[in-house]
Amino acid sequence: MFIHRYTMASRKTSGKGSLKYPVFVFPSALNFYMDDPGSLKQVITLYNPYDIGITFKVYANQPSKYKVMDPIGSIKARCCIDIVVRHVSPSLQNVNVSDKFRVDIVEIGQKELIGRTYIPSTLLPGRPPADDQDELEHEQEREGFHSALQEARLTTGGQQAAADVARAARETKGGYNASEVSQHHCLVVAAALVCIAALLLPTAGETTQSLVPPQLHLSTQVKLAFAYGLGLLTMALLRPA
């Protein structure tokens, strides 16, 4: 599959002001291991928590070293897609060399770039530490989530809300006994209901009359945090045990 090559100087945007939508991807970095063939295939999940459909393009600064399945596509509103990336040049000369993928998004039917993010990629020597595998996965998830929060420049309230629901989603991935699984399942369901309730509240700045007190009107950024958290919680509930 053809992958576009990019250079920092060859493509310039019209300015940071035009990139009004943060791009949510997981994981936020790709680590391949020289002696572990299974790690040479990675999956990037691209989320679209917005109310608009988007098209995306994945570029690599070293396309000869990677193969990306379907680097160009579209995502419906409030949906996500998995993109498979393979490292096809696991040689000693490429060990510890840092590369980058770039993900651009555009609203369906439009041409103006509305979001961009970069995903660093590294080929590491040896195999991944087996004892630390779960911790590495959790650390990557935390890093990716906080990176998305920083890029989105959410308000303090939005950061706290998104962090709470993301933490609840992460806890469902750990190893629990039957009673703990039930308890955490209830926690995730309750958090999802809170997100849904928050999304149903009026948006701050709307001129339509509402019976809801102004103090409960949420900003668009806070609602975005709840929408993103609801997506994570839904995926956690639907993931097979």
C-alpha atoms as a PDB file:
ATOM      1  CA  MET A   1       0.000   0.000   0.000  1.00  0.00           C
ATOM      2  CA  PHE A   2       1.382   3.374  -1.042  1.00  0.00           C
ATOM      3  CA  ILE A   3       2.266   5.757   1.780  1.00  0.00           C
ATOM      4  CA  HIS A   4       2.727   9.462   1.184  1.00  0.00           C
ATOM      5  CA  ARG A   5       6.106  10.872   2.106  1.00  0.00           C
ATOM      6  CA  TYR A   6       6.212  14.229   3.794  1.00  0.00           C
ATOM      7  CA  THR A   7       8.811  16.790   4.800  1.00  0.00           C
ATOM      8  CA  MET A   8       8.355  19.567   7.295  1.00  0.00           C
ATOM      9  CA  ALA A   9       9.082  22.188   4.634  1.00  0.00           C
ATOM     10  CA  SER A  10       7.074  20.764   1.759  1.00  0.00           C
ATOM     11  CA  ARG A  11       3.617  21.237   3.270  1.00  0.00           C
ATOM     12  CA  LYS A  12       2.659  24.366   5.208  1.00  0.00           C
ATOM     13  CA  THR A  13      -0.683  25.035   6.757  1.00  0.00           C
ATOM     14  CA  SER A  14      -2.420  28.366   6.706  1.00  0.00           C
ATOM     15  CA  GLY A  15      -1.556  28.846  10.371  1.00  0.00           C
ATOM     16  CA  LYS A  16      -2.327  27.292  13.718  1.00  0.00           C
ATOM     17  CA  GLY A  17      -5.601  29.170  13.835  1.00  0.00           C
ATOM     18  CA  SER A  18      -7.009  26.981  11.060  1.00  0.00           C
ATOM     19  CA  LEU A  19      -6.312  23.756  12.986  1.00  0.00           C
ATOM     20  CA  LYS A  20      -9.380  24.073  15.180  1.00  0.00           C
ATOM     21  CA  TYR A  21      -9.934  20.350  15.819  1.00  0.00           C
ATOM     22  CA  PRO A  22      -7.539  18.216  17.891  1.00  0.00           C
ATOM     23  CA  VAL A  23      -6.796  14.779  16.425  1.00  0.00           C
ATOM     24  CA  PHE A  24      -7.368  11.887  18.850  1.00  0.00           C
ATOM     25  CA  VAL A  25      -5.188   8.827  18.231  1.00  0.00           C
ATOM     26  CA  PHE A  26      -4.159   5.830  20.315  1.00  0.00           C
ATOM     27  CA  PRO A  27      -1.423   4.970  20.984  1.00  0.00           C
ATOM     28  CA  SER A  28       0.446   8.264  20.828  1.00  0.00           C
ATOM     29  CA  ALA A  29       3.726   6.490  19.938  1.00  0.00           C
ATOM     30  CA  LEU A  30       4.671   3.268  18.133  1.00  0.00           C
ATOM     31  CA  ASN A  31       7.418   0.974  19.435  1.00  0.00           C
ATOM     32  CA  PHE A  32       8.562  -1.896  17.236  1.00  0.00           C
ATOM     33  CA  TYR A  33      11.017  -4.539  18.487  1.00  0.00           C
ATOM     34  CA  MET A  34      13.765  -6.049  16.334  1.00  0.00           C
ATOM     35  CA  ASP A  35      13.515  -9.608  17.728  1.00  0.00           C
ATOM     36  CA  ASP A  36       9.741  -9.779  18.159  1.00  0.00           C
ATOM     37  CA  PRO A  37       7.977 -10.356  14.801  1.00  0.00           C
ATOM     38  CA  GLY A  38       4.599  -9.860  16.447  1.00  0.00           C
ATOM     39  CA  SER A  39       5.492  -6.307  17.451  1.00  0.00           C
ATOM     40  CA  LEU A  40       6.277  -5.358  13.844  1.00  0.00           C
ATOM     41  CA  LYS A  41       2.524  -5.036  13.270  1.00  0.00           C
ATOM     42  CA  GLN A  42       0.863  -2.220  15.199  1.00  0.00           C
ATOM     43  CA  VAL A  43      -2.660  -0.799  15.196  1.00  0.00           C
ATOM     44  CA  ILE A  44      -3.425   2.914  15.401  1.00  0.00           C
ATOM     45  CA  THR A  45      -6.972   3.833  16.434  1.00  0.00           C
ATOM     46  CA  LEU A  46      -8.176   7.165  15.055  1.00  0.00           C
ATOM     47  CA  TYR A  47     -11.185   8.633  16.870  1.00  0.00           C
ATOM     48  CA  ASN A  48     -13.758  11.113  15.553  1.00  0.00           C
ATOM     49  CA  PRO A  49     -15.704  12.420  18.582  1.00  0.00           C
ATOM     50  CA  TYR A  50     -17.174  15.292  16.553  1.00  0.00           C
ATOM     51  CA  ASP A  51     -20.614  15.814  15.044  1.00  0.00           C
ATOM     52  CA  ILE A  52     -19.145  16.005  11.539  1.00  0.00           C
ATOM     53  CA  GLY A  53     -17.726  13.343   9.251  1.00  0.00           C
ATOM     54  CA  ILE A  54     -14.012  13.625   8.534  1.00  0.00           C
ATOM     55  CA  THR A  55     -11.542  12.315   5.983  1.00  0.00           C
ATOM     56  CA  PHE A  56      -8.008  11.451   7.028  1.00  0.00           C
ATOM     57  CA  LYS A  57      -4.622  10.894   5.435  1.00  0.00           C
ATOM     58  CA  VAL A  58      -1.629   9.172   7.023  1.00  0.00           C
ATOM     59  CA  TYR A  59       1.833  10.254   5.879  1.00  0.00           C
ATOM     60  CA  ALA A  60       5.228   8.731   6.758  1.00  0.00           C
ATOM     61  CA  ASN A  61       8.551  10.542   6.650  1.00  0.00           C
ATOM     62  CA  GLN A  62      10.199   7.209   5.709  1.00  0.00           C
ATOM     63  CA  PRO A  63       7.628   5.347   3.555  1.00  0.00           C
ATOM     64  CA  SER A  64      10.138   2.687   2.459  1.00  0.00           C
ATOM     65  CA  LYS A  65      10.268   1.376   6.044  1.00  0.00           C
ATOM     66  CA  TYR A  66       6.532   1.093   6.671  1.00  0.00           C
ATOM     67  CA  LYS A  67       3.396  -0.301   5.096  1.00  0.00           C
ATOM     68  CA  VAL A  68       0.096   1.297   6.116  1.00  0.00           C
ATOM     69  CA  MET A  69      -3.172  -0.387   5.243  1.00  0.00           C
ATOM     70  CA  ASP A  70      -5.698   2.167   3.946  1.00  0.00           C
ATOM     71  CA  PRO A  71      -3.752   5.372   4.722  1.00  0.00           C
ATOM     72  CA  ILE A  72      -6.614   7.434   3.241  1.00  0.00           C
ATOM     73  CA  GLY A  73     -10.224   7.106   4.360  1.00  0.00           C
ATOM     74  CA  SER A  74     -13.189   8.646   6.133  1.00  0.00           C
ATOM     75  CA  ILE A  75     -14.798   8.324   9.556  1.00  0.00           C
ATOM     76  CA  LYS A  76     -18.430   9.016  10.352  1.00  0.00           C
ATOM     77  CA  ALA A  77     -19.352  11.347  13.193  1.00  0.00           C
ATOM     78  CA  ARG A  78     -18.682   9.905  16.661  1.00  0.00           C
ATOM     79  CA  CYS A  79     -16.981   6.805  15.261  1.00  0.00           C
ATOM     80  CA  CYS A  80     -13.443   5.442  15.119  1.00  0.00           C
ATOM     81  CA  ILE A  81     -11.302   3.365  12.781  1.00  0.00           C
ATOM     82  CA  ASP A  82      -8.287   1.070  13.165  1.00  0.00           C
ATOM     83  CA  ILE A  83      -5.287   1.595  10.894  1.00  0.00           C
ATOM     84  CA  VAL A  84      -2.753  -1.243  10.605  1.00  0.00           C
ATOM     85  CA  VAL A  85       0.925  -0.244  10.382  1.00  0.00           C
ATOM     86  CA  ARG A  86       3.728  -2.718   9.592  1.00  0.00           C
ATOM     87  CA  HIS A  87       7.457  -2.139   9.929  1.00  0.00           C
ATOM     88  CA  VAL A  88       8.886  -3.772   6.797  1.00  0.00           C
ATOM     89  CA  SER A  89      12.566  -2.936   7.326  1.00  0.00           C
ATOM     90  CA  PRO A  90      13.617  -4.327  10.752  1.00  0.00           C
ATOM     91  CA  SER A  91      17.390  -4.092  10.167  1.00  0.00           C
ATOM     92  CA  LEU A  92      20.218  -3.181  12.527  1.00  0.00           C
ATOM     93  CA  GLN A  93      20.805   0.131  10.763  1.00  0.00           C
ATOM     94  CA  ASN A  94      17.248   1.187  11.609  1.00  0.00           C
ATOM     95  CA  VAL A  95      17.448   0.341  15.321  1.00  0.00           C
ATOM     96  CA  ASN A  96      16.891   3.355  17.616  1.00  0.00           C
ATOM     97  CA  VAL A  97      16.117   5.561  14.626  1.00  0.00           C
ATOM     98  CA  SER A  98      13.168   7.867  15.288  1.00  0.00           C
ATOM     99  CA  ASP A  99      10.578   8.305  12.544  1.00  0.00           C
ATOM    100  CA  LYS A 100       7.218  10.046  12.432  1.00  0.00           C
ATOM    101  CA  PHE A 101       3.766   9.507  11.042  1.00  0.00           C
ATOM    102  CA  ARG A 102       1.565  12.508  10.366  1.00  0.00           C
ATOM    103  CA  VAL A 103      -2.233  12.337  10.464  1.00  0.00           C
ATOM    104  CA  ASP A 104      -4.239  15.109   8.785  1.00  0.00           C
ATOM    105  CA  ILE A 105      -8.022  15.442   8.987  1.00  0.00           C
ATOM    106  CA  VAL A 106     -10.448  17.414   6.808  1.00  0.00           C
ATOM    107  CA  GLU A 107     -14.206  17.794   7.092  1.00  0.00           C
ATOM    108  CA  ILE A 108     -15.996  15.649   4.505  1.00  0.00           C
ATOM    109  CA  GLY A 109     -16.820  17.730   1.444  1.00  0.00           C
ATOM    110  CA  GLN A 110     -14.297  20.450   2.347  1.00  0.00           C
ATOM    111  CA  LYS A 111     -10.652  21.065   1.466  1.00  0.00           C
ATOM    112  CA  GLU A 112      -9.349  23.092   4.409  1.00  0.00           C
ATOM    113  CA  LEU A 113      -7.166  21.213   6.886  1.00  0.00           C
ATOM    114  CA  ILE A 114      -8.838  21.275  10.311  1.00  0.00           C
ATOM    115  CA  GLY A 115      -6.568  19.031  12.397  1.00  0.00           C
ATOM    116  CA  ARG A 116      -3.125  17.457  12.482  1.00  0.00           C
ATOM    117  CA  THR A 117      -1.088  15.295  14.818  1.00  0.00           C
ATOM    118  CA  TYR A 118       2.235  13.435  14.753  1.00  0.00           C
ATOM    119  CA  ILE A 119       2.933   9.879  15.939  1.00  0.00           C
ATOM    120  CA  PRO A 120       6.593   9.067  16.687  1.00  0.00           C
ATOM    121  CA  SER A 121       7.834   5.610  15.709  1.00  0.00           C
ATOM    122  CA  THR A 122      10.965   3.761  16.853  1.00  0.00           C
ATOM    123  CA  LEU A 123      12.485   0.361  16.144  1.00  0.00           C
ATOM    124  CA  LEU A 124      13.994  -0.905  19.415  1.00  0.00           C
ATOM    125  CA  PRO A 125      16.533  -3.705  19.889  1.00  0.00           C
ATOM    126  CA  GLY A 126      15.627  -7.083  21.405  1.00  0.00           C
ATOM    127  CA  ARG A 127      12.160  -7.970  22.611  1.00  0.00           C
ATOM    128  CA  PRO A 128       9.633  -6.077  24.762  1.00  0.00           C
ATOM    129  CA  PRO A 129      10.083  -6.762  28.514  1.00  0.00           C
ATOM    130  CA  ALA A 130       7.432  -9.384  29.285  1.00  0.00           C
ATOM    131  CA  ASP A 131       7.112  -8.400  32.950  1.00  0.00           C
ATOM    132  CA  ASP A 132       6.458  -4.771  32.084  1.00  0.00           C
ATOM    133  CA  GLN A 133       4.165  -5.309  29.094  1.00  0.00           C
ATOM    134  CA  ASP A 134       0.915  -4.370  30.859  1.00  0.00           C
ATOM    135  CA  GLU A 135       2.511  -1.350  32.477  1.00  0.00           C
ATOM    136  CA  LEU A 136       3.904  -0.239  29.122  1.00  0.00           C
ATOM    137  CA  GLU A 137       0.446  -0.446  27.569  1.00  0.00           C
ATOM    138  CA  HIS A 138      -1.113   1.546  30.407  1.00  0.00           C
ATOM    139  CA  GLU A 139       1.657   4.133  30.232  1.00  0.00           C
ATOM    140  CA  GLN A 140       1.158   4.531  26.484  1.00  0.00           C
ATOM    141  CA  GLU A 141      -2.573   4.998  27.025  1.00  0.00           C
ATOM    142  CA  ARG A 142      -2.040   7.643  29.705  1.00  0.00           C
ATOM    143  CA  GLU A 143       0.533   9.403  27.534  1.00  0.00           C
ATOM    144  CA  GLY A 144      -1.772   9.400  24.520  1.00  0.00           C
ATOM    145  CA  PHE A 145      -4.766  10.647  26.490  1.00  0.00           C
ATOM    146  CA  HIS A 146      -2.900  13.476  28.189  1.00  0.00           C
ATOM    147  CA  SER A 147      -1.332  14.430  24.846  1.00  0.00           C
ATOM    148  CA  ALA A 148      -4.811  14.713  23.352  1.00  0.00           C
ATOM    149  CA  LEU A 149      -5.986  16.812  26.299  1.00  0.00           C
ATOM    150  CA  GLN A 150      -3.054  19.178  25.933  1.00  0.00           C
ATOM    151  CA  GLU A 151      -3.593  19.544  22.187  1.00  0.00           C
ATOM    152  CA  ALA A 152      -7.288  20.223  22.651  1.00  0.00           C
ATOM    153  CA  ARG A 153      -6.581  22.899  25.298  1.00  0.00           C
ATOM    154  CA  LEU A 154      -9.614  21.875  27.293  1.00  0.00           C
ATOM    155  CA  THR A 155     -10.827  23.844  30.281  1.00  0.00           C
ATOM    156  CA  THR A 156      -9.958  22.694  33.795  1.00  0.00           C
ATOM    157  CA  GLY A 157     -13.426  21.229  34.230  1.00  0.00           C
ATOM    158  CA  GLY A 158     -13.189  19.391  30.931  1.00  0.00           C
ATOM    159  CA  GLN A 159      -9.782  17.930  31.808  1.00  0.00           C
ATOM    160  CA  GLN A 160     -11.060  16.578  35.105  1.00  0.00           C
ATOM    161  CA  ALA A 161     -14.187  15.082  33.542  1.00  0.00           C
ATOM    162  CA  ALA A 162     -12.266  13.420  30.726  1.00  0.00           C
ATOM    163  CA  ALA A 163      -9.598  12.117  33.109  1.00  0.00           C
ATOM    164  CA  ASP A 164     -12.268  10.576  35.358  1.00  0.00           C
ATOM    165  CA  VAL A 165     -14.060   8.704  32.590  1.00  0.00           C
ATOM    166  CA  ALA A 166     -10.789   7.608  30.974  1.00  0.00           C
ATOM    167  CA  ARG A 167      -9.575   6.228  34.309  1.00  0.00           C
ATOM    168  CA  ALA A 168     -12.788   4.249  34.669  1.00  0.00           C
ATOM    169  CA  ALA A 169     -12.327   2.849  31.156  1.00  0.00           C
ATOM    170  CA  ARG A 170      -8.709   1.868  31.877  1.00  0.00           C
ATOM    171  CA  GLU A 171      -9.664   0.011  35.031  1.00  0.00           C
ATOM    172  CA  THR A 172     -11.810  -2.417  33.045  1.00  0.00           C
ATOM    173  CA  LYS A 173      -8.643  -3.631  31.271  1.00  0.00           C
ATOM    174  CA  GLY A 174      -6.910  -4.863  34.447  1.00  0.00           C
ATOM    175  CA  GLY A 175      -7.119  -8.305  35.989  1.00  0.00           C
ATOM    176  CA  TYR A 176     -10.015  -8.512  38.475  1.00  0.00           C
ATOM    177  CA  ASN A 177     -11.907 -11.332  40.096  1.00  0.00           C
ATOM    178  CA  ALA A 178     -15.643 -11.833  39.494  1.00  0.00           C
ATOM    179  CA  SER A 179     -16.843  -9.437  42.196  1.00  0.00           C
ATOM    180  CA  GLU A 180     -14.368  -6.741  41.140  1.00  0.00           C
ATOM    181  CA  VAL A 181     -15.388  -7.109  37.495  1.00  0.00           C
ATOM    182  CA  SER A 182     -19.030  -6.570  38.442  1.00  0.00           C
ATOM    183  CA  GLN A 183     -18.137  -3.561  40.572  1.00  0.00           C
ATOM    184  CA  HIS A 184     -16.051  -1.920  37.870  1.00  0.00           C
ATOM    185  CA  HIS A 185     -18.656  -2.729  35.214  1.00  0.00           C
ATOM    186  CA  CYS A 186     -21.213  -0.810  37.273  1.00  0.00           C
ATOM    187  CA  LEU A 187     -18.724   2.046  37.660  1.00  0.00           C
ATOM    188  CA  VAL A 188     -18.199   2.254  33.904  1.00  0.00           C
ATOM    189  CA  VAL A 189     -21.957   2.166  33.225  1.00  0.00           C
ATOM    190  CA  ALA A 190     -22.523   4.915  35.809  1.00  0.00           C
ATOM    191  CA  ALA A 191     -19.764   7.050  34.287  1.00  0.00           C
ATOM    192  CA  ALA A 192     -21.275   6.543  30.819  1.00  0.00           C
ATOM    193  CA  LEU A 193     -24.684   7.696  32.101  1.00  0.00           C
ATOM    194  CA  VAL A 194     -23.043  10.809  33.576  1.00  0.00           C
ATOM    195  CA  CYS A 195     -21.466  11.563  30.180  1.00  0.00           C
ATOM    196  CA  ILE A 196     -24.809  11.118  28.407  1.00  0.00           C
ATOM    197  CA  ALA A 197     -26.539  13.386  30.912  1.00  0.00           C
ATOM    198  CA  ALA A 198     -23.843  16.032  30.472  1.00  0.00           C
ATOM    199  CA  LEU A 199     -24.196  15.934  26.680  1.00  0.00           C
ATOM    200  CA  LEU A 200     -27.955  16.496  27.016  1.00  0.00           C
ATOM    201  CA  LEU A 201     -27.440  19.704  29.019  1.00  0.00           C
ATOM    202  CA  PRO A 202     -27.719  23.028  27.149  1.00  0.00           C
ATOM    203  CA  THR A 203     -24.598  24.467  25.577  1.00  0.00           C
ATOM    204  CA  ALA A 204     -23.266  27.712  26.998  1.00  0.00           C
ATOM    205  CA  GLY A 205     -24.019  30.679  24.769  1.00  0.00           C
ATOM    206  CA  GLU A 206     -27.223  29.301  23.250  1.00  0.00           C
ATOM    207  CA  THR A 207     -29.959  31.874  22.916  1.00  0.00           C
ATOM    208  CA  THR A 208     -32.872  29.433  23.220  1.00  0.00           C
ATOM    209  CA  GLN A 209     -34.757  29.490  26.502  1.00  0.00           C
ATOM    210  CA  SER A 210     -34.201  26.573  28.846  1.00  0.00           C
ATOM    211  CA  LEU A 211     -35.474  25.446  32.222  1.00  0.00           C
ATOM    212  CA  VAL A 212     -31.971  24.370  33.175  1.00  0.00           C
ATOM    213  CA  PRO A 213     -30.133  26.923  35.369  1.00  0.00           C
ATOM    214  CA  PRO A 214     -27.327  28.827  33.574  1.00  0.00           C
ATOM    215  CA  GLN A 215     -24.798  27.326  35.995  1.00  0.00           C
ATOM    216  CA  LEU A 216     -25.404  23.921  34.370  1.00  0.00           C
ATOM    217  CA  HIS A 217     -24.891  25.137  30.814  1.00  0.00           C
ATOM    218  CA  LEU A 218     -21.668  23.475  29.585  1.00  0.00           C
ATOM    219  CA  SER A 219     -19.154  24.905  27.152  1.00  0.00           C
ATOM    220  CA  THR A 220     -18.417  23.178  23.859  1.00  0.00           C
ATOM    221  CA  GLN A 221     -14.962  22.146  25.097  1.00  0.00           C
ATOM    222  CA  VAL A 222     -16.353  20.481  28.215  1.00  0.00           C
ATOM    223  CA  LYS A 223     -18.948  18.646  26.103  1.00  0.00           C
ATOM    224  CA  LEU A 224     -16.135  17.498  23.823  1.00  0.00           C
ATOM    225  CA  ALA A 225     -14.370  15.990  26.834  1.00  0.00           C
ATOM    226  CA  PHE A 226     -17.535  14.144  27.851  1.00  0.00           C
ATOM    227  CA  ALA A 227     -18.084  12.916  24.270  1.00  0.00           C
ATOM    228  CA  TYR A 228     -14.525  11.599  24.074  1.00  0.00           C
ATOM    229  CA  GLY A 229     -14.883   9.915  27.477  1.00  0.00           C
ATOM    230  CA  LEU A 230     -18.180   8.334  26.428  1.00  0.00           C
ATOM    231  CA  GLY A 231     -16.449   6.860  23.389  1.00  0.00           C
ATOM    232  CA  LEU A 232     -13.730   5.323  25.570  1.00  0.00           C
ATOM    233  CA  LEU A 233     -16.276   3.910  27.998  1.00  0.00           C
ATOM    234  CA  THR A 234     -18.375   2.438  25.178  1.00  0.00           C
ATOM    235  CA  MET A 235     -15.317   0.696  23.743  1.00  0.00           C
ATOM    236  CA  ALA A 236     -14.440  -0.641  27.218  1.00  0.00           C
ATOM    237  CA  LEU A 237     -17.966  -2.059  27.665  1.00  0.00           C
ATOM    238  CA  LEU A 238     -18.009  -3.673  24.199  1.00  0.00           C
ATOM    239  CA  ARG A 239     -14.487  -5.117  24.410  1.00  0.00           C
ATOM    240  CA  PRO A 240     -14.561  -8.927  24.864  1.00  0.00           C
ATOM    241  CA  ALA A 241     -13.465 -10.122  28.300  1.00  0.00           C
END
